[in-house]
Amino acid sequence: MSDTKAMGKFFETYRIKAGLTLAAAAEILDIGGADILARYEAGKTLIPLNEVFSMANIYNIPPDRVVQMFYDLSFERAQKQARESDSDSHLIKSER
């Protein structure tokens, strides 16, 4: 799963827990419509940092949970890059 999709799913889960529809959340966030929020949640558009903070506040997400989400995404990306690097080094070795 891409970072943008994982982040979108994270916020979608908390929006639903907060009892907000896409339309209601988009209106509170003042982001120009439910379609924009739907794109964020689907991972089609990267969520701007200021919106991350607003969503966390409106959805009552504890700050440490938001930090943990970013950490988890960074850790997963680092692991993926390490695996790719390992597979690339195996290719280089086998070509020798």
PDB file of N, CA and C in Angstrom:
ATOM      1  N   MET A   1       0.853  -1.175   0.000  1.00  0.00           N
ATOM      2  CA  MET A   1       0.000   0.000   0.000  1.00  0.00           C
ATOM      3  C   MET A   1       0.898   1.237   0.000  1.00  0.00           C
ATOM      4  N   SER A   2       0.542   2.209  -0.827  1.00  0.00           N
ATOM      5  CA  SER A   2       1.338   3.432  -0.884  1.00  0.00           C
ATOM      6  C   SER A   2       1.141   4.265   0.382  1.00  0.00           C
ATOM      7  N   ASP A   3       2.070   5.180   0.610  1.00  0.00           N
ATOM      8  CA  ASP A   3       1.971   6.065   1.774  1.00  0.00           C
ATOM      9  C   ASP A   3       0.692   6.886   1.744  1.00  0.00           C
ATOM     10  N   THR A   4       0.350   7.418   0.564  1.00  0.00           N
ATOM     11  CA  THR A   4      -0.842   8.256   0.478  1.00  0.00           C
ATOM     12  C   THR A   4      -2.106   7.448   0.738  1.00  0.00           C
ATOM     13  N   LYS A   5      -2.137   6.192   0.272  1.00  0.00           N
ATOM     14  CA  LYS A   5      -3.311   5.344   0.540  1.00  0.00           C
ATOM     15  C   LYS A   5      -3.391   4.982   2.020  1.00  0.00           C
ATOM     16  N   ALA A   6      -2.257   4.661   2.620  1.00  0.00           N
ATOM     17  CA  ALA A   6      -2.244   4.301   4.044  1.00  0.00           C
ATOM     18  C   ALA A   6      -2.668   5.491   4.898  1.00  0.00           C
ATOM     19  N   MET A   7      -2.180   6.682   4.542  1.00  0.00           N
ATOM     20  CA  MET A   7      -2.555   7.869   5.289  1.00  0.00           C
ATOM     21  C   MET A   7      -4.041   8.166   5.109  1.00  0.00           C
ATOM     22  N   GLY A   8      -4.527   8.015   3.894  1.00  0.00           N
ATOM     23  CA  GLY A   8      -5.948   8.240   3.631  1.00  0.00           C
ATOM     24  C   GLY A   8      -6.826   7.288   4.418  1.00  0.00           C
ATOM     25  N   LYS A   9      -6.429   6.018   4.453  1.00  0.00           N
ATOM     26  CA  LYS A   9      -7.194   5.014   5.207  1.00  0.00           C
ATOM     27  C   LYS A   9      -7.178   5.339   6.699  1.00  0.00           C
ATOM     28  N   PHE A  10      -6.034   5.773   7.203  1.00  0.00           N
ATOM     29  CA  PHE A  10      -5.903   6.156   8.601  1.00  0.00           C
ATOM     30  C   PHE A  10      -6.932   7.231   8.947  1.00  0.00           C
ATOM     31  N   PHE A  11      -6.972   8.304   8.141  1.00  0.00           N
ATOM     32  CA  PHE A  11      -7.890   9.398   8.433  1.00  0.00           C
ATOM     33  C   PHE A  11      -9.347   9.017   8.173  1.00  0.00           C
ATOM     34  N   GLU A  12      -9.583   8.190   7.180  1.00  0.00           N
ATOM     35  CA  GLU A  12     -10.958   7.721   6.941  1.00  0.00           C
ATOM     36  C   GLU A  12     -11.478   6.959   8.160  1.00  0.00           C
ATOM     37  N   THR A  13     -10.646   6.087   8.713  1.00  0.00           N
ATOM     38  CA  THR A  13     -11.037   5.310   9.889  1.00  0.00           C
ATOM     39  C   THR A  13     -11.409   6.221  11.046  1.00  0.00           C
ATOM     40  N   TYR A  14     -10.593   7.230  11.300  1.00  0.00           N
ATOM     41  CA  TYR A  14     -10.871   8.146  12.405  1.00  0.00           C
ATOM     42  C   TYR A  14     -12.072   9.046  12.113  1.00  0.00           C
ATOM     43  N   ARG A  15     -12.285   9.422  10.851  1.00  0.00           N
ATOM     44  CA  ARG A  15     -13.461  10.224  10.507  1.00  0.00           C
ATOM     45  C   ARG A  15     -14.737   9.455  10.823  1.00  0.00           C
ATOM     46  N   ILE A  16     -14.735   8.190  10.440  1.00  0.00           N
ATOM     47  CA  ILE A  16     -15.900   7.344  10.693  1.00  0.00           C
ATOM     48  C   ILE A  16     -16.101   7.161  12.196  1.00  0.00           C
ATOM     49  N   LYS A  17     -15.014   6.930  12.932  1.00  0.00           N
ATOM     50  CA  LYS A  17     -15.112   6.811  14.396  1.00  0.00           C
ATOM     51  C   LYS A  17     -15.675   8.078  15.021  1.00  0.00           C
ATOM     52  N   ALA A  18     -15.368   9.230  14.409  1.00  0.00           N
ATOM     53  CA  ALA A  18     -15.864  10.510  14.919  1.00  0.00           C
ATOM     54  C   ALA A  18     -17.330  10.734  14.550  1.00  0.00           C
ATOM     55  N   GLY A  19     -17.888   9.829  13.734  1.00  0.00           N
ATOM     56  CA  GLY A  19     -19.290   9.932  13.356  1.00  0.00           C
ATOM     57  C   GLY A  19     -19.572  10.987  12.306  1.00  0.00           C
ATOM     58  N   LEU A  20     -18.579  11.299  11.489  1.00  0.00           N
ATOM     59  CA  LEU A  20     -18.737  12.333  10.473  1.00  0.00           C
ATOM     60  C   LEU A  20     -18.835  11.732   9.080  1.00  0.00           C
ATOM     61  N   THR A  21     -19.744  12.254   8.285  1.00  0.00           N
ATOM     62  CA  THR A  21     -19.809  11.886   6.872  1.00  0.00           C
ATOM     63  C   THR A  21     -18.721  12.644   6.131  1.00  0.00           C
ATOM     64  N   LEU A  22     -18.457  12.238   4.899  1.00  0.00           N
ATOM     65  CA  LEU A  22     -17.506  12.982   4.071  1.00  0.00           C
ATOM     66  C   LEU A  22     -17.933  14.433   3.940  1.00  0.00           C
ATOM     67  N   ALA A  23     -19.215  14.652   3.670  1.00  0.00           N
ATOM     68  CA  ALA A  23     -19.718  16.016   3.470  1.00  0.00           C
ATOM     69  C   ALA A  23     -19.569  16.858   4.735  1.00  0.00           C
ATOM     70  N   ALA A  24     -19.927  16.296   5.876  1.00  0.00           N
ATOM     71  CA  ALA A  24     -19.841  17.038   7.128  1.00  0.00           C
ATOM     72  C   ALA A  24     -18.392  17.374   7.467  1.00  0.00           C
ATOM     73  N   ALA A  25     -17.507  16.390   7.315  1.00  0.00           N
ATOM     74  CA  ALA A  25     -16.088  16.618   7.620  1.00  0.00           C
ATOM     75  C   ALA A  25     -15.497  17.654   6.672  1.00  0.00           C
ATOM     76  N   ALA A  26     -15.820  17.570   5.391  1.00  0.00           N
ATOM     77  CA  ALA A  26     -15.301  18.526   4.406  1.00  0.00           C
ATOM     78  C   ALA A  26     -15.774  19.941   4.726  1.00  0.00           C
ATOM     79  N   GLU A  27     -17.020  20.070   5.169  1.00  0.00           N
ATOM     80  CA  GLU A  27     -17.540  21.393   5.524  1.00  0.00           C
ATOM     81  C   GLU A  27     -16.809  21.952   6.748  1.00  0.00           C
ATOM     82  N   ILE A  28     -16.617  21.121   7.761  1.00  0.00           N
ATOM     83  CA  ILE A  28     -15.902  21.568   8.964  1.00  0.00           C
ATOM     84  C   ILE A  28     -14.459  21.935   8.619  1.00  0.00           C
ATOM     85  N   LEU A  29     -13.832  21.125   7.769  1.00  0.00           N
ATOM     86  CA  LEU A  29     -12.450  21.372   7.371  1.00  0.00           C
ATOM     87  C   LEU A  29     -12.325  22.549   6.400  1.00  0.00           C
ATOM     88  N   ASP A  30     -13.444  22.904   5.776  1.00  0.00           N
ATOM     89  CA  ASP A  30     -13.476  24.000   4.805  1.00  0.00           C
ATOM     90  C   ASP A  30     -12.470  23.761   3.676  1.00  0.00           C
ATOM     91  N   ILE A  31     -12.577  22.561   3.081  1.00  0.00           N
ATOM     92  CA  ILE A  31     -11.623  22.195   2.026  1.00  0.00           C
ATOM     93  C   ILE A  31     -12.214  22.222   0.625  1.00  0.00           C
ATOM     94  N   GLY A  32     -13.437  22.667   0.493  1.00  0.00           N
ATOM     95  CA  GLY A  32     -13.980  22.834  -0.852  1.00  0.00           C
ATOM     96  C   GLY A  32     -14.846  21.695  -1.351  1.00  0.00           C
ATOM     97  N   GLY A  33     -15.158  20.746  -0.519  1.00  0.00           N
ATOM     98  CA  GLY A  33     -16.092  19.710  -0.940  1.00  0.00           C
ATOM     99  C   GLY A  33     -15.690  18.308  -0.531  1.00  0.00           C
ATOM    100  N   ALA A  34     -16.718  17.467  -0.466  1.00  0.00           N
ATOM    101  CA  ALA A  34     -16.521  16.072  -0.074  1.00  0.00           C
ATOM    102  C   ALA A  34     -15.656  15.320  -1.077  1.00  0.00           C
ATOM    103  N   ASP A  35     -15.691  15.751  -2.348  1.00  0.00           N
ATOM    104  CA  ASP A  35     -14.894  15.067  -3.367  1.00  0.00           C
ATOM    105  C   ASP A  35     -13.393  15.191  -3.088  1.00  0.00           C
ATOM    106  N   ILE A  36     -12.973  16.327  -2.555  1.00  0.00           N
ATOM    107  CA  ILE A  36     -11.556  16.506  -2.216  1.00  0.00           C
ATOM    108  C   ILE A  36     -11.177  15.584  -1.057  1.00  0.00           C
ATOM    109  N   LEU A  37     -12.030  15.549  -0.035  1.00  0.00           N
ATOM    110  CA  LEU A  37     -11.766  14.669   1.103  1.00  0.00           C
ATOM    111  C   LEU A  37     -11.772  13.209   0.669  1.00  0.00           C
ATOM    112  N   ALA A  38     -12.673  12.850  -0.228  1.00  0.00           N
ATOM    113  CA  ALA A  38     -12.716  11.474  -0.743  1.00  0.00           C
ATOM    114  C   ALA A  38     -11.418  11.125  -1.467  1.00  0.00           C
ATOM    115  N   ARG A  39     -10.853  12.088  -2.200  1.00  0.00           N
ATOM    116  CA  ARG A  39      -9.572  11.855  -2.884  1.00  0.00           C
ATOM    117  C   ARG A  39      -8.443  11.651  -1.880  1.00  0.00           C
ATOM    118  N   TYR A  40      -8.465  12.421  -0.789  1.00  0.00           N
ATOM    119  CA  TYR A  40      -7.469  12.232   0.267  1.00  0.00           C
ATOM    120  C   TYR A  40      -7.572  10.821   0.831  1.00  0.00           C
ATOM    121  N   GLU A  41      -8.800  10.435   1.177  1.00  0.00           N
ATOM    122  CA  GLU A  41      -9.005   9.138   1.830  1.00  0.00           C
ATOM    123  C   GLU A  41      -8.710   7.960   0.907  1.00  0.00           C
ATOM    124  N   ALA A  42      -8.893   8.148  -0.381  1.00  0.00           N
ATOM    125  CA  ALA A  42      -8.602   7.088  -1.347  1.00  0.00           C
ATOM    126  C   ALA A  42      -7.118   7.027  -1.694  1.00  0.00           C
ATOM    127  N   GLY A  43      -6.355   7.996  -1.214  1.00  0.00           N
ATOM    128  CA  GLY A  43      -4.925   8.017  -1.512  1.00  0.00           C
ATOM    129  C   GLY A  43      -4.615   8.536  -2.896  1.00  0.00           C
ATOM    130  N   LYS A  44      -5.568   9.219  -3.513  1.00  0.00           N
ATOM    131  CA  LYS A  44      -5.349   9.763  -4.853  1.00  0.00           C
ATOM    132  C   LYS A  44      -4.666  11.119  -4.818  1.00  0.00           C
ATOM    133  N   THR A  45      -4.768  11.797  -3.666  1.00  0.00           N
ATOM    134  CA  THR A  45      -4.152  13.102  -3.488  1.00  0.00           C
ATOM    135  C   THR A  45      -3.451  13.114  -2.134  1.00  0.00           C
ATOM    136  N   LEU A  46      -2.223  13.595  -2.113  1.00  0.00           N
ATOM    137  CA  LEU A  46      -1.488  13.704  -0.861  1.00  0.00           C
ATOM    138  C   LEU A  46      -2.160  14.753   0.023  1.00  0.00           C
ATOM    139  N   ILE A  47      -2.337  14.429   1.289  1.00  0.00           N
ATOM    140  CA  ILE A  47      -2.981  15.345   2.222  1.00  0.00           C
ATOM    141  C   ILE A  47      -1.968  16.409   2.641  1.00  0.00           C
ATOM    142  N   PRO A  48      -2.287  17.689   2.412  1.00  0.00           N
ATOM    143  CA  PRO A  48      -1.368  18.749   2.849  1.00  0.00           C
ATOM    144  C   PRO A  48      -1.205  18.717   4.374  1.00  0.00           C
ATOM    145  N   LEU A  49      -0.022  19.100   4.833  1.00  0.00           N
ATOM    146  CA  LEU A  49       0.289  19.018   6.258  1.00  0.00           C
ATOM    147  C   LEU A  49      -0.691  19.812   7.115  1.00  0.00           C
ATOM    148  N   ASN A  50      -1.085  20.998   6.649  1.00  0.00           N
ATOM    149  CA  ASN A  50      -2.039  21.777   7.440  1.00  0.00           C
ATOM    150  C   ASN A  50      -3.374  21.041   7.576  1.00  0.00           C
ATOM    151  N   GLU A  51      -3.762  20.278   6.543  1.00  0.00           N
ATOM    152  CA  GLU A  51      -4.991  19.488   6.618  1.00  0.00           C
ATOM    153  C   GLU A  51      -4.819  18.291   7.553  1.00  0.00           C
ATOM    154  N   VAL A  52      -3.623  17.724   7.593  1.00  0.00           N
ATOM    155  CA  VAL A  52      -3.344  16.620   8.520  1.00  0.00           C
ATOM    156  C   VAL A  52      -3.624  17.083   9.948  1.00  0.00           C
ATOM    157  N   PHE A  53      -3.118  18.271  10.289  1.00  0.00           N
ATOM    158  CA  PHE A  53      -3.327  18.788  11.642  1.00  0.00           C
ATOM    159  C   PHE A  53      -4.799  19.098  11.897  1.00  0.00           C
ATOM    160  N   SER A  54      -5.464  19.684  10.914  1.00  0.00           N
ATOM    161  CA  SER A  54      -6.886  19.998  11.074  1.00  0.00           C
ATOM    162  C   SER A  54      -7.720  18.735  11.236  1.00  0.00           C
ATOM    163  N   MET A  55      -7.439  17.722  10.407  1.00  0.00           N
ATOM    164  CA  MET A  55      -8.183  16.467  10.489  1.00  0.00           C
ATOM    165  C   MET A  55      -7.948  15.788  11.838  1.00  0.00           C
ATOM    166  N   ALA A  56      -6.711  15.785  12.277  1.00  0.00           N
ATOM    167  CA  ALA A  56      -6.404  15.167  13.568  1.00  0.00           C
ATOM    168  C   ALA A  56      -7.176  15.855  14.685  1.00  0.00           C
ATOM    169  N   ASN A  57      -7.264  17.168  14.627  1.00  0.00           N
ATOM    170  CA  ASN A  57      -7.987  17.933  15.635  1.00  0.00           C
ATOM    171  C   ASN A  57      -9.493  17.644  15.583  1.00  0.00           C
ATOM    172  N   ILE A  58     -10.057  17.725  14.412  1.00  0.00           N
ATOM    173  CA  ILE A  58     -11.503  17.528  14.253  1.00  0.00           C
ATOM    174  C   ILE A  58     -11.925  16.096  14.554  1.00  0.00           C
ATOM    175  N   TYR A  59     -11.090  15.135  14.197  1.00  0.00           N
ATOM    176  CA  TYR A  59     -11.416  13.720  14.425  1.00  0.00           C
ATOM    177  C   TYR A  59     -10.992  13.247  15.811  1.00  0.00           C
ATOM    178  N   ASN A  60     -10.445  14.153  16.622  1.00  0.00           N
ATOM    179  CA  ASN A  60     -10.000  13.830  17.985  1.00  0.00           C
ATOM    180  C   ASN A  60      -8.955  12.708  18.013  1.00  0.00           C
ATOM    181  N   ILE A  61      -8.002  12.807  17.105  1.00  0.00           N
ATOM    182  CA  ILE A  61      -6.920  11.823  17.057  1.00  0.00           C
ATOM    183  C   ILE A  61      -5.814  12.310  17.991  1.00  0.00           C
ATOM    184  N   PRO A  62      -5.392  11.476  18.934  1.00  0.00           N
ATOM    185  CA  PRO A  62      -4.305  11.880  19.831  1.00  0.00           C
ATOM    186  C   PRO A  62      -3.039  12.201  19.023  1.00  0.00           C
ATOM    187  N   PRO A  63      -2.356  13.286  19.378  1.00  0.00           N
ATOM    188  CA  PRO A  63      -1.146  13.670  18.633  1.00  0.00           C
ATOM    189  C   PRO A  63      -0.116  12.544  18.523  1.00  0.00           C
ATOM    190  N   ASP A  64       0.037  11.756  19.590  1.00  0.00           N
ATOM    191  CA  ASP A  64       1.019  10.675  19.526  1.00  0.00           C
ATOM    192  C   ASP A  64       0.627   9.621  18.494  1.00  0.00           C
ATOM    193  N   ARG A  65      -0.664   9.468  18.232  1.00  0.00           N
ATOM    194  CA  ARG A  65      -1.123   8.492  17.223  1.00  0.00           C
ATOM    195  C   ARG A  65      -0.785   8.988  15.820  1.00  0.00           C
ATOM    196  N   VAL A  66      -0.895  10.300  15.603  1.00  0.00           N
ATOM    197  CA  VAL A  66      -0.543  10.873  14.300  1.00  0.00           C
ATOM    198  C   VAL A  66       0.957  10.720  14.063  1.00  0.00           C
ATOM    199  N   VAL A  67       1.751  11.025  15.082  1.00  0.00           N
ATOM    200  CA  VAL A  67       3.212  10.861  14.982  1.00  0.00           C
ATOM    201  C   VAL A  67       3.544   9.398  14.705  1.00  0.00           C
ATOM    202  N   GLN A  68       2.883   8.480  15.388  1.00  0.00           N
ATOM    203  CA  GLN A  68       3.115   7.048  15.187  1.00  0.00           C
ATOM    204  C   GLN A  68       2.784   6.629  13.755  1.00  0.00           C
ATOM    205  N   MET A  69       1.704   7.194  13.196  1.00  0.00           N
ATOM    206  CA  MET A  69       1.334   6.876  11.819  1.00  0.00           C
ATOM    207  C   MET A  69       2.448   7.295  10.865  1.00  0.00           C
ATOM    208  N   PHE A  70       2.982   8.510  11.052  1.00  0.00           N
ATOM    209  CA  PHE A  70       4.088   8.962  10.198  1.00  0.00           C
ATOM    210  C   PHE A  70       5.330   8.090  10.390  1.00  0.00           C
ATOM    211  N   TYR A  71       5.610   7.716  11.625  1.00  0.00           N
ATOM    212  CA  TYR A  71       6.758   6.849  11.905  1.00  0.00           C
ATOM    213  C   TYR A  71       6.582   5.503  11.206  1.00  0.00           C
ATOM    214  N   ASP A  72       5.398   4.926  11.337  1.00  0.00           N
ATOM    215  CA  ASP A  72       5.132   3.624  10.713  1.00  0.00           C
ATOM    216  C   ASP A  72       5.317   3.691   9.201  1.00  0.00           C
ATOM    217  N   LEU A  73       4.818   4.763   8.589  1.00  0.00           N
ATOM    218  CA  LEU A  73       4.975   4.915   7.140  1.00  0.00           C
ATOM    219  C   LEU A  73       6.445   5.035   6.761  1.00  0.00           C
ATOM    220  N   SER A  74       7.205   5.803   7.537  1.00  0.00           N
ATOM    221  CA  SER A  74       8.635   5.968   7.264  1.00  0.00           C
ATOM    222  C   SER A  74       9.385   4.655   7.438  1.00  0.00           C
ATOM    223  N   PHE A  75       9.035   3.912   8.485  1.00  0.00           N
ATOM    224  CA  PHE A  75       9.691   2.638   8.761  1.00  0.00           C
ATOM    225  C   PHE A  75       9.399   1.636   7.647  1.00  0.00           C
ATOM    226  N   GLU A  76       8.137   1.577   7.217  1.00  0.00           N
ATOM    227  CA  GLU A  76       7.767   0.662   6.130  1.00  0.00           C
ATOM    228  C   GLU A  76       8.499   1.027   4.841  1.00  0.00           C
ATOM    229  N   ARG A  77       8.618   2.324   4.558  1.00  0.00           N
ATOM    230  CA  ARG A  77       9.318   2.763   3.358  1.00  0.00           C
ATOM    231  C   ARG A  77      10.795   2.380   3.436  1.00  0.00           C
ATOM    232  N   ALA A  78      11.404   2.559   4.605  1.00  0.00           N
ATOM    233  CA  ALA A  78      12.821   2.210   4.783  1.00  0.00           C
ATOM    234  C   ALA A  78      13.032   0.713   4.607  1.00  0.00           C
ATOM    235  N   GLN A  79      12.121  -0.095   5.144  1.00  0.00           N
ATOM    236  CA  GLN A  79      12.242  -1.541   4.985  1.00  0.00           C
ATOM    237  C   GLN A  79      12.137  -1.940   3.510  1.00  0.00           C
ATOM    238  N   LYS A  80      11.204  -1.329   2.798  1.00  0.00           N
ATOM    239  CA  LYS A  80      11.029  -1.630   1.380  1.00  0.00           C
ATOM    240  C   LYS A  80      12.287  -1.261   0.605  1.00  0.00           C
ATOM    241  N   GLN A  81      12.854  -0.100   0.901  1.00  0.00           N
ATOM    242  CA  GLN A  81      14.070   0.324   0.219  1.00  0.00           C
ATOM    243  C   GLN A  81      15.235  -0.610   0.527  1.00  0.00           C
ATOM    244  N   ALA A  82      15.313  -1.092   1.756  1.00  0.00           N
ATOM    245  CA  ALA A  82      16.380  -2.023   2.126  1.00  0.00           C
ATOM    246  C   ALA A  82      16.222  -3.340   1.366  1.00  0.00           C
ATOM    247  N   ARG A  83      14.988  -3.824   1.259  1.00  0.00           N
ATOM    248  CA  ARG A  83      14.744  -5.070   0.504  1.00  0.00           C
ATOM    249  C   ARG A  83      15.118  -4.892  -0.963  1.00  0.00           C
ATOM    250  N   GLU A  84      14.745  -3.744  -1.528  1.00  0.00           N
ATOM    251  CA  GLU A  84      15.078  -3.478  -2.931  1.00  0.00           C
ATOM    252  C   GLU A  84      16.584  -3.370  -3.120  1.00  0.00           C
ATOM    253  N   SER A  85      17.252  -2.757  -2.175  1.00  0.00           N
ATOM    254  CA  SER A  85      18.703  -2.620  -2.236  1.00  0.00           C
ATOM    255  C   SER A  85      19.368  -3.996  -2.163  1.00  0.00           C
ATOM    256  N   ASP A  86      18.852  -4.851  -1.272  1.00  0.00           N
ATOM    257  CA  ASP A  86      19.384  -6.214  -1.158  1.00  0.00           C
ATOM    258  C   ASP A  86      19.198  -6.981  -2.455  1.00  0.00           C
ATOM    259  N   SER A  87      18.023  -6.859  -3.071  1.00  0.00           N
ATOM    260  CA  SER A  87      17.796  -7.604  -4.307  1.00  0.00           C
ATOM    261  C   SER A  87      18.663  -7.047  -5.432  1.00  0.00           C
ATOM    262  N   ASP A  88      18.897  -5.733  -5.436  1.00  0.00           N
ATOM    263  CA  ASP A  88      19.784  -5.140  -6.435  1.00  0.00           C
ATOM    264  C   ASP A  88      21.213  -5.618  -6.256  1.00  0.00           C
ATOM    265  N   SER A  89      21.666  -5.752  -4.996  1.00  0.00           N
ATOM    266  CA  SER A  89      23.033  -6.196  -4.761  1.00  0.00           C
ATOM    267  C   SER A  89      23.203  -7.653  -5.175  1.00  0.00           C
ATOM    268  N   HIS A  90      22.164  -8.466  -5.044  1.00  0.00           N
ATOM    269  CA  HIS A  90      22.232  -9.849  -5.508  1.00  0.00           C
ATOM    270  C   HIS A  90      22.366  -9.896  -7.032  1.00  0.00           C
ATOM    271  N   LEU A  91      21.665  -9.001  -7.718  1.00  0.00           N
ATOM    272  CA  LEU A  91      21.773  -8.942  -9.165  1.00  0.00           C
ATOM    273  C   LEU A  91      23.171  -8.551  -9.598  1.00  0.00           C
ATOM    274  N   ILE A  92      23.762  -7.587  -8.909  1.00  0.00           N
ATOM    275  CA  ILE A  92      25.107  -7.140  -9.231  1.00  0.00           C
ATOM    276  C   ILE A  92      26.102  -8.262  -9.009  1.00  0.00           C
ATOM    277  N   LYS A  93      25.976  -8.976  -7.896  1.00  0.00           N
ATOM    278  CA  LYS A  93      26.887 -10.081  -7.591  1.00  0.00           C
ATOM    279  C   LYS A  93      26.767 -11.181  -8.620  1.00  0.00           C
ATOM    280  N   SER A  94      25.540 -11.476  -9.072  1.00  0.00           N
ATOM    281  CA  SER A  94      25.372 -12.586 -10.017  1.00  0.00           C
ATOM    282  C   SER A  94      25.885 -12.227 -11.399  1.00  0.00           C
ATOM    283  N   GLU A  95      26.008 -10.928 -11.692  1.00  0.00           N
ATOM    284  CA  GLU A  95      26.521 -10.505 -12.987  1.00  0.00           C
ATOM    285  C   GLU A  95      28.040 -10.610 -13.062  1.00  0.00           C
ATOM    286  N   ARG A  96      28.702 -10.712 -11.921  1.00  0.00           N
ATOM    287  CA  ARG A  96      30.172 -10.764 -11.893  1.00  0.00           C
ATOM    288  C   ARG A  96      30.694 -12.087 -12.316  1.00  0.00           C
TER     289      ARG A  96
END
